[in-house]
Amino acid sequence: MPTYLGASLEWGGAWQNRNDIGLEDTRFAGSIFVGADTFLDPLYGAYGYAEGGEQALYLFLGKPWRIRR
Protein backbone atom coordinates (compact mmCIF):
# COMPACT_ATOMS: atom_id res chain seq x y z
CA MET A 1 0.00 0.00 0.00
CA PRO A 2 1.81 3.18 -1.15
CA THR A 3 1.93 5.87 1.54
CA TYR A 4 2.85 9.55 1.40
CA LEU A 5 4.02 12.02 4.03
CA GLY A 6 4.24 15.78 3.76
CA ALA A 7 4.46 19.04 5.66
CA SER A 8 3.94 22.75 5.08
CA LEU A 9 5.04 26.01 6.67
CA GLU A 10 3.03 29.15 6.04
CA TRP A 11 3.40 32.81 6.86
CA GLY A 12 0.99 35.55 5.91
CA GLY A 13 -2.02 37.59 6.77
CA ALA A 14 -5.19 39.18 5.46
CA TRP A 15 -6.13 42.82 5.72
CA GLN A 16 -9.22 44.74 4.72
CA ASN A 17 -7.35 47.94 3.85
CA ARG A 18 -4.01 48.28 2.08
CA ASN A 19 -2.83 50.84 4.66
CA ASP A 20 -3.25 48.27 7.45
CA ILE A 21 -0.67 45.84 6.02
CA GLY A 22 2.26 45.26 8.37
CA LEU A 23 4.65 42.55 9.51
CA GLU A 24 3.45 42.82 13.11
CA ASP A 25 0.02 41.47 12.07
CA THR A 26 1.21 38.33 10.27
CA ARG A 27 0.81 34.74 11.48
CA PHE A 28 2.88 31.61 11.25
CA ALA A 29 1.27 28.21 10.67
CA GLY A 30 2.23 24.71 9.71
CA SER A 31 0.74 21.34 8.95
CA ILE A 32 1.67 17.71 8.58
CA PHE A 33 -0.22 15.23 6.46
CA VAL A 34 -0.20 11.59 5.48
CA GLY A 35 -1.93 9.76 2.66
CA ALA A 36 -2.29 6.17 1.53
CA ASP A 37 -3.68 4.39 -1.51
CA THR A 38 -6.07 1.98 0.24
CA PHE A 39 -8.19 -0.77 -1.32
CA LEU A 40 -11.25 1.52 -0.92
CA ASP A 41 -9.85 4.82 -2.26
CA PRO A 42 -7.15 7.32 -1.32
CA LEU A 43 -7.13 8.15 2.41
CA TYR A 44 -5.77 11.52 3.59
CA GLY A 45 -5.20 12.78 7.12
CA ALA A 46 -3.79 16.14 8.22
CA TYR A 47 -3.18 18.26 11.31
CA GLY A 48 -2.58 22.01 11.22
CA TYR A 49 -1.52 24.50 13.87
CA ALA A 50 -1.33 28.30 13.73
CA GLU A 51 -0.16 31.02 16.08
CA GLY A 52 -2.73 31.87 18.70
CA GLY A 53 -3.65 28.23 19.29
CA GLU A 54 -5.72 27.73 16.12
CA GLN A 55 -5.81 24.03 15.21
CA ALA A 56 -7.42 21.89 12.51
CA LEU A 57 -7.74 18.16 11.94
CA TYR A 58 -8.80 16.62 8.62
CA LEU A 59 -9.67 13.12 7.49
CA PHE A 60 -10.79 12.46 3.92
CA LEU A 61 -11.56 9.23 2.07
CA GLY A 62 -12.01 9.31 -1.70
CA LYS A 63 -10.74 11.06 -4.77
CA PRO A 64 -10.89 14.88 -4.84
CA TRP A 65 -13.74 16.30 -6.87
CA ARG A 66 -12.90 17.53 -10.30
CA ILE A 67 -15.01 19.83 -12.45
CA ARG A 68 -14.76 18.91 -16.10
CA ARG A 69 -15.35 21.40 -18.87
PDB file of N, CA and C in Angstrom:
ATOM      1  N   MET A   1       0.851  -1.173   0.000  1.00  0.00           N
ATOM      2  CA  MET A   1       0.000   0.000   0.000  1.00  0.00           C
ATOM      3  C   MET A   1       0.901   1.242   0.000  1.00  0.00           C
ATOM      4  N   PRO A   2       0.981   1.963  -1.097  1.00  0.00           N
ATOM      5  CA  PRO A   2       1.809   3.176  -1.148  1.00  0.00           C
ATOM      6  C   PRO A   2       1.321   4.231  -0.155  1.00  0.00           C
ATOM      7  N   THR A   3       2.259   4.821   0.579  1.00  0.00           N
ATOM      8  CA  THR A   3       1.928   5.875   1.536  1.00  0.00           C
ATOM      9  C   THR A   3       2.739   7.128   1.227  1.00  0.00           C
ATOM     10  N   TYR A   4       2.230   8.256   1.674  1.00  0.00           N
ATOM     11  CA  TYR A   4       2.846   9.552   1.399  1.00  0.00           C
ATOM     12  C   TYR A   4       2.844  10.380   2.667  1.00  0.00           C
ATOM     13  N   LEU A   5       3.887  11.164   2.865  1.00  0.00           N
ATOM     14  CA  LEU A   5       4.024  12.019   4.028  1.00  0.00           C
ATOM     15  C   LEU A   5       4.439  13.402   3.556  1.00  0.00           C
ATOM     16  N   GLY A   6       3.889  14.423   4.168  1.00  0.00           N
ATOM     17  CA  GLY A   6       4.237  15.780   3.764  1.00  0.00           C
ATOM     18  C   GLY A   6       4.079  16.768   4.901  1.00  0.00           C
ATOM     19  N   ALA A   7       4.555  17.972   4.670  1.00  0.00           N
ATOM     20  CA  ALA A   7       4.457  19.043   5.660  1.00  0.00           C
ATOM     21  C   ALA A   7       4.435  20.384   4.948  1.00  0.00           C
ATOM     22  N   SER A   8       3.930  21.395   5.635  1.00  0.00           N
ATOM     23  CA  SER A   8       3.936  22.747   5.075  1.00  0.00           C
ATOM     24  C   SER A   8       4.224  23.752   6.179  1.00  0.00           C
ATOM     25  N   LEU A   9       4.840  24.843   5.803  1.00  0.00           N
ATOM     26  CA  LEU A   9       5.039  26.005   6.667  1.00  0.00           C
ATOM     27  C   LEU A   9       4.447  27.196   5.935  1.00  0.00           C
ATOM     28  N   GLU A  10       3.707  28.016   6.667  1.00  0.00           N
ATOM     29  CA  GLU A  10       3.032  29.148   6.038  1.00  0.00           C
ATOM     30  C   GLU A  10       3.249  30.398   6.872  1.00  0.00           C
ATOM     31  N   TRP A  11       3.267  31.524   6.200  1.00  0.00           N
ATOM     32  CA  TRP A  11       3.403  32.808   6.864  1.00  0.00           C
ATOM     33  C   TRP A  11       2.634  33.816   6.040  1.00  0.00           C
ATOM     34  N   GLY A  12       1.760  34.562   6.666  1.00  0.00           N
ATOM     35  CA  GLY A  12       0.991  35.548   5.913  1.00  0.00           C
ATOM     36  C   GLY A  12      -0.058  36.217   6.772  1.00  0.00           C
ATOM     37  N   GLY A  13      -0.953  36.876   6.093  1.00  0.00           N
ATOM     38  CA  GLY A  13      -2.019  37.593   6.771  1.00  0.00           C
ATOM     39  C   GLY A  13      -3.055  38.059   5.768  1.00  0.00           C
ATOM     40  N   ALA A  14      -4.121  38.630   6.296  1.00  0.00           N
ATOM     41  CA  ALA A  14      -5.185  39.181   5.455  1.00  0.00           C
ATOM     42  C   ALA A  14      -5.635  40.499   6.083  1.00  0.00           C
ATOM     43  N   TRP A  15      -5.764  41.499   5.254  1.00  0.00           N
ATOM     44  CA  TRP A  15      -6.135  42.819   5.720  1.00  0.00           C
ATOM     45  C   TRP A  15      -7.257  43.369   4.854  1.00  0.00           C
ATOM     46  N   GLN A  16      -8.109  44.145   5.460  1.00  0.00           N
ATOM     47  CA  GLN A  16      -9.218  44.736   4.720  1.00  0.00           C
ATOM     48  C   GLN A  16      -8.768  45.971   3.944  1.00  0.00           C
ATOM     49  N   ASN A  17      -7.831  46.722   4.506  1.00  0.00           N
ATOM     50  CA  ASN A  17      -7.347  47.943   3.852  1.00  0.00           C
ATOM     51  C   ASN A  17      -5.848  47.847   3.593  1.00  0.00           C
ATOM     52  N   ARG A  18      -5.423  48.328   2.453  1.00  0.00           N
ATOM     53  CA  ARG A  18      -4.009  48.284   2.081  1.00  0.00           C
ATOM     54  C   ARG A  18      -3.123  48.992   3.109  1.00  0.00           C
ATOM     55  N   ASN A  19      -3.615  50.076   3.690  1.00  0.00           N
ATOM     56  CA  ASN A  19      -2.829  50.841   4.665  1.00  0.00           C
ATOM     57  C   ASN A  19      -2.605  50.087   5.974  1.00  0.00           C
ATOM     58  N   ASP A  20      -3.374  49.041   6.221  1.00  0.00           N
ATOM     59  CA  ASP A  20      -3.248  48.269   7.452  1.00  0.00           C
ATOM     60  C   ASP A  20      -2.184  47.178   7.371  1.00  0.00           C
ATOM     61  N   ILE A  21      -1.632  46.913   6.197  1.00  0.00           N
ATOM     62  CA  ILE A  21      -0.668  45.837   6.021  1.00  0.00           C
ATOM     63  C   ILE A  21       0.604  46.113   6.818  1.00  0.00           C
ATOM     64  N   GLY A  22       1.041  45.118   7.587  1.00  0.00           N
ATOM     65  CA  GLY A  22       2.258  45.264   8.371  1.00  0.00           C
ATOM     66  C   GLY A  22       2.752  43.920   8.866  1.00  0.00           C
ATOM     67  N   LEU A  23       4.058  43.804   9.053  1.00  0.00           N
ATOM     68  CA  LEU A  23       4.645  42.547   9.505  1.00  0.00           C
ATOM     69  C   LEU A  23       4.201  42.161  10.906  1.00  0.00           C
ATOM     70  N   GLU A  24       3.853  43.133  11.735  1.00  0.00           N
ATOM     71  CA  GLU A  24       3.450  42.821  13.106  1.00  0.00           C
ATOM     72  C   GLU A  24       2.102  42.103  13.169  1.00  0.00           C
ATOM     73  N   ASP A  25       1.335  42.117  12.091  1.00  0.00           N
ATOM     74  CA  ASP A  25       0.021  41.469  12.068  1.00  0.00           C
ATOM     75  C   ASP A  25       0.010  40.149  11.299  1.00  0.00           C
ATOM     76  N   THR A  26       1.165  39.594  11.010  1.00  0.00           N
ATOM     77  CA  THR A  26       1.205  38.329  10.274  1.00  0.00           C
ATOM     78  C   THR A  26       1.138  37.147  11.246  1.00  0.00           C
ATOM     79  N   ARG A  27       0.882  35.966  10.685  1.00  0.00           N
ATOM     80  CA  ARG A  27       0.807  34.744  11.478  1.00  0.00           C
ATOM     81  C   ARG A  27       1.654  33.655  10.841  1.00  0.00           C
ATOM     82  N   PHE A  28       2.180  32.805  11.694  1.00  0.00           N
ATOM     83  CA  PHE A  28       2.884  31.605  11.245  1.00  0.00           C
ATOM     84  C   PHE A  28       1.975  30.403  11.460  1.00  0.00           C
ATOM     85  N   ALA A  29       2.065  29.434  10.559  1.00  0.00           N
ATOM     86  CA  ALA A  29       1.268  28.214  10.672  1.00  0.00           C
ATOM     87  C   ALA A  29       2.030  27.071  10.016  1.00  0.00           C
ATOM     88  N   GLY A  30       1.622  25.873  10.330  1.00  0.00           N
ATOM     89  CA  GLY A  30       2.231  24.708   9.713  1.00  0.00           C
ATOM     90  C   GLY A  30       1.281  23.528   9.769  1.00  0.00           C
ATOM     91  N   SER A  31       1.568  22.534   8.958  1.00  0.00           N
ATOM     92  CA  SER A  31       0.744  21.337   8.953  1.00  0.00           C
ATOM     93  C   SER A  31       1.584  20.121   8.582  1.00  0.00           C
ATOM     94  N   ILE A  32       1.087  18.981   8.991  1.00  0.00           N
ATOM     95  CA  ILE A  32       1.673  17.707   8.576  1.00  0.00           C
ATOM     96  C   ILE A  32       0.530  16.865   8.018  1.00  0.00           C
ATOM     97  N   PHE A  33       0.831  16.058   7.044  1.00  0.00           N
ATOM     98  CA  PHE A  33      -0.216  15.233   6.458  1.00  0.00           C
ATOM     99  C   PHE A  33       0.341  13.906   5.991  1.00  0.00           C
ATOM    100  N   VAL A  34      -0.553  12.932   5.921  1.00  0.00           N
ATOM    101  CA  VAL A  34      -0.202  11.591   5.484  1.00  0.00           C
ATOM    102  C   VAL A  34      -1.321  11.100   4.569  1.00  0.00           C
ATOM    103  N   GLY A  35      -0.950  10.330   3.582  1.00  0.00           N
ATOM    104  CA  GLY A  35      -1.926   9.764   2.660  1.00  0.00           C
ATOM    105  C   GLY A  35      -1.548   8.333   2.317  1.00  0.00           C
ATOM    106  N   ALA A  36      -2.538   7.561   1.916  1.00  0.00           N
ATOM    107  CA  ALA A  36      -2.292   6.173   1.529  1.00  0.00           C
ATOM    108  C   ALA A  36      -3.282   5.774   0.439  1.00  0.00           C
ATOM    109  N   ASP A  37      -2.815   4.964  -0.490  1.00  0.00           N
ATOM    110  CA  ASP A  37      -3.680   4.388  -1.509  1.00  0.00           C
ATOM    111  C   ASP A  37      -4.252   3.092  -0.943  1.00  0.00           C
ATOM    112  N   THR A  38      -5.462   3.158  -0.374  1.00  0.00           N
ATOM    113  CA  THR A  38      -6.066   1.981   0.237  1.00  0.00           C
ATOM    114  C   THR A  38      -6.890   1.202  -0.796  1.00  0.00           C
ATOM    115  N   PHE A  39      -7.371   0.047  -0.410  1.00  0.00           N
ATOM    116  CA  PHE A  39      -8.187  -0.766  -1.318  1.00  0.00           C
ATOM    117  C   PHE A  39      -9.543  -0.106  -1.585  1.00  0.00           C
ATOM    118  N   LEU A  40      -9.988   0.808  -0.705  1.00  0.00           N
ATOM    119  CA  LEU A  40     -11.245   1.519  -0.919  1.00  0.00           C
ATOM    120  C   LEU A  40     -11.065   2.700  -1.867  1.00  0.00           C
ATOM    121  N   ASP A  41     -10.148   3.576  -1.535  1.00  0.00           N
ATOM    122  CA  ASP A  41      -9.848   4.815  -2.261  1.00  0.00           C
ATOM    123  C   ASP A  41      -8.688   5.480  -1.534  1.00  0.00           C
ATOM    124  N   PRO A  42      -8.196   6.606  -2.059  1.00  0.00           N
ATOM    125  CA  PRO A  42      -7.151   7.316  -1.317  1.00  0.00           C
ATOM    126  C   PRO A  42      -7.664   7.793   0.051  1.00  0.00           C
ATOM    127  N   LEU A  43      -6.812   7.700   1.060  1.00  0.00           N
ATOM    128  CA  LEU A  43      -7.129   8.150   2.408  1.00  0.00           C
ATOM    129  C   LEU A  43      -6.119   9.224   2.795  1.00  0.00           C
ATOM    130  N   TYR A  44      -6.629  10.394   3.218  1.00  0.00           N
ATOM    131  CA  TYR A  44      -5.774  11.518   3.592  1.00  0.00           C
ATOM    132  C   TYR A  44      -6.068  11.905   5.031  1.00  0.00           C
ATOM    133  N   GLY A  45      -5.043  12.240   5.780  1.00  0.00           N
ATOM    134  CA  GLY A  45      -5.200  12.780   7.119  1.00  0.00           C
ATOM    135  C   GLY A  45      -4.234  13.932   7.300  1.00  0.00           C
ATOM    136  N   ALA A  46      -4.658  14.969   8.028  1.00  0.00           N
ATOM    137  CA  ALA A  46      -3.794  16.140   8.224  1.00  0.00           C
ATOM    138  C   ALA A  46      -4.086  16.795   9.565  1.00  0.00           C
ATOM    139  N   TYR A  47      -3.062  17.456  10.095  1.00  0.00           N
ATOM    140  CA  TYR A  47      -3.182  18.262  11.307  1.00  0.00           C
ATOM    141  C   TYR A  47      -2.487  19.589  11.053  1.00  0.00           C
ATOM    142  N   GLY A  48      -3.157  20.680  11.390  1.00  0.00           N
ATOM    143  CA  GLY A  48      -2.582  22.009  11.218  1.00  0.00           C
ATOM    144  C   GLY A  48      -2.618  22.802  12.508  1.00  0.00           C
ATOM    145  N   TYR A  49      -1.614  23.646  12.677  1.00  0.00           N
ATOM    146  CA  TYR A  49      -1.519  24.495  13.865  1.00  0.00           C
ATOM    147  C   TYR A  49      -1.062  25.885  13.444  1.00  0.00           C
ATOM    148  N   ALA A  50      -1.700  26.909  14.018  1.00  0.00           N
ATOM    149  CA  ALA A  50      -1.326  28.302  13.731  1.00  0.00           C
ATOM    150  C   ALA A  50      -1.121  29.062  15.033  1.00  0.00           C
ATOM    151  N   GLU A  51      -0.367  30.152  14.928  1.00  0.00           N
ATOM    152  CA  GLU A  51      -0.160  31.024  16.083  1.00  0.00           C
ATOM    153  C   GLU A  51      -1.495  31.388  16.704  1.00  0.00           C
ATOM    154  N   GLY A  52      -1.504  31.534  18.005  1.00  0.00           N
ATOM    155  CA  GLY A  52      -2.735  31.867  18.695  1.00  0.00           C
ATOM    156  C   GLY A  52      -3.529  30.645  19.113  1.00  0.00           C
ATOM    157  N   GLY A  53      -2.983  29.448  18.864  1.00  0.00           N
ATOM    158  CA  GLY A  53      -3.647  28.230  19.287  1.00  0.00           C
ATOM    159  C   GLY A  53      -4.679  27.687  18.314  1.00  0.00           C
ATOM    160  N   GLU A  54      -4.781  28.246  17.123  1.00  0.00           N
ATOM    161  CA  GLU A  54      -5.717  27.729  16.125  1.00  0.00           C
ATOM    162  C   GLU A  54      -5.246  26.363  15.647  1.00  0.00           C
ATOM    163  N   GLN A  55      -6.156  25.381  15.619  1.00  0.00           N
ATOM    164  CA  GLN A  55      -5.811  24.028  15.208  1.00  0.00           C
ATOM    165  C   GLN A  55      -6.879  23.486  14.262  1.00  0.00           C
ATOM    166  N   ALA A  56      -6.479  22.543  13.428  1.00  0.00           N
ATOM    167  CA  ALA A  56      -7.416  21.891  12.515  1.00  0.00           C
ATOM    168  C   ALA A  56      -6.996  20.442  12.326  1.00  0.00           C
ATOM    169  N   LEU A  57      -7.970  19.570  12.168  1.00  0.00           N
ATOM    170  CA  LEU A  57      -7.735  18.157  11.944  1.00  0.00           C
ATOM    171  C   LEU A  57      -8.633  17.723  10.787  1.00  0.00           C
ATOM    172  N   TYR A  58      -8.066  17.029   9.809  1.00  0.00           N
ATOM    173  CA  TYR A  58      -8.802  16.624   8.620  1.00  0.00           C
ATOM    174  C   TYR A  58      -8.638  15.132   8.382  1.00  0.00           C
ATOM    175  N   LEU A  59      -9.699  14.507   7.920  1.00  0.00           N
ATOM    176  CA  LEU A  59      -9.669  13.120   7.488  1.00  0.00           C
ATOM    177  C   LEU A  59     -10.570  13.020   6.265  1.00  0.00           C
ATOM    178  N   PHE A  60     -10.046  12.499   5.173  1.00  0.00           N
ATOM    179  CA  PHE A  60     -10.787  12.460   3.919  1.00  0.00           C
ATOM    180  C   PHE A  60     -10.567  11.120   3.238  1.00  0.00           C
ATOM    181  N   LEU A  61     -11.641  10.494   2.805  1.00  0.00           N
ATOM    182  CA  LEU A  61     -11.562   9.235   2.071  1.00  0.00           C
ATOM    183  C   LEU A  61     -12.206   9.447   0.709  1.00  0.00           C
ATOM    184  N   GLY A  62     -11.480   9.174  -0.353  1.00  0.00           N
ATOM    185  CA  GLY A  62     -12.013   9.306  -1.703  1.00  0.00           C
ATOM    186  C   GLY A  62     -11.168  10.218  -2.557  1.00  0.00           C
ATOM    187  N   LYS A  63     -11.466  10.215  -3.829  1.00  0.00           N
ATOM    188  CA  LYS A  63     -10.741  11.059  -4.767  1.00  0.00           C
ATOM    189  C   LYS A  63     -11.278  12.492  -4.699  1.00  0.00           C
ATOM    190  N   PRO A  64     -10.405  13.486  -4.832  1.00  0.00           N
ATOM    191  CA  PRO A  64     -10.886  14.881  -4.842  1.00  0.00           C
ATOM    192  C   PRO A  64     -11.830  15.112  -6.019  1.00  0.00           C
ATOM    193  N   TRP A  65     -12.794  15.968  -5.804  1.00  0.00           N
ATOM    194  CA  TRP A  65     -13.740  16.295  -6.866  1.00  0.00           C
ATOM    195  C   TRP A  65     -13.026  17.033  -7.970  1.00  0.00           C
ATOM    196  N   ARG A  66     -13.512  16.848  -9.154  1.00  0.00           N
ATOM    197  CA  ARG A  66     -12.902  17.526 -10.302  1.00  0.00           C
ATOM    198  C   ARG A  66     -14.027  17.996 -11.229  1.00  0.00           C
ATOM    199  N   ILE A  67     -14.004  19.264 -11.544  1.00  0.00           N
ATOM    200  CA  ILE A  67     -15.011  19.833 -12.446  1.00  0.00           C
ATOM    201  C   ILE A  67     -14.462  19.724 -13.864  1.00  0.00           C
ATOM    202  N   ARG A  68     -15.204  19.083 -14.696  1.00  0.00           N
ATOM    203  CA  ARG A  68     -14.764  18.907 -16.097  1.00  0.00           C
ATOM    204  C   ARG A  68     -15.481  19.902 -16.972  1.00  0.00           C
ATOM    205  N   ARG A  69     -14.755  20.434 -17.927  1.00  0.00           N
ATOM    206  CA  ARG A  69     -15.351  21.403 -18.868  1.00  0.00           C
ATOM    207  C   ARG A  69     -15.347  20.842 -20.246  1.00  0.00           C
TER     208      ARG A  69
END
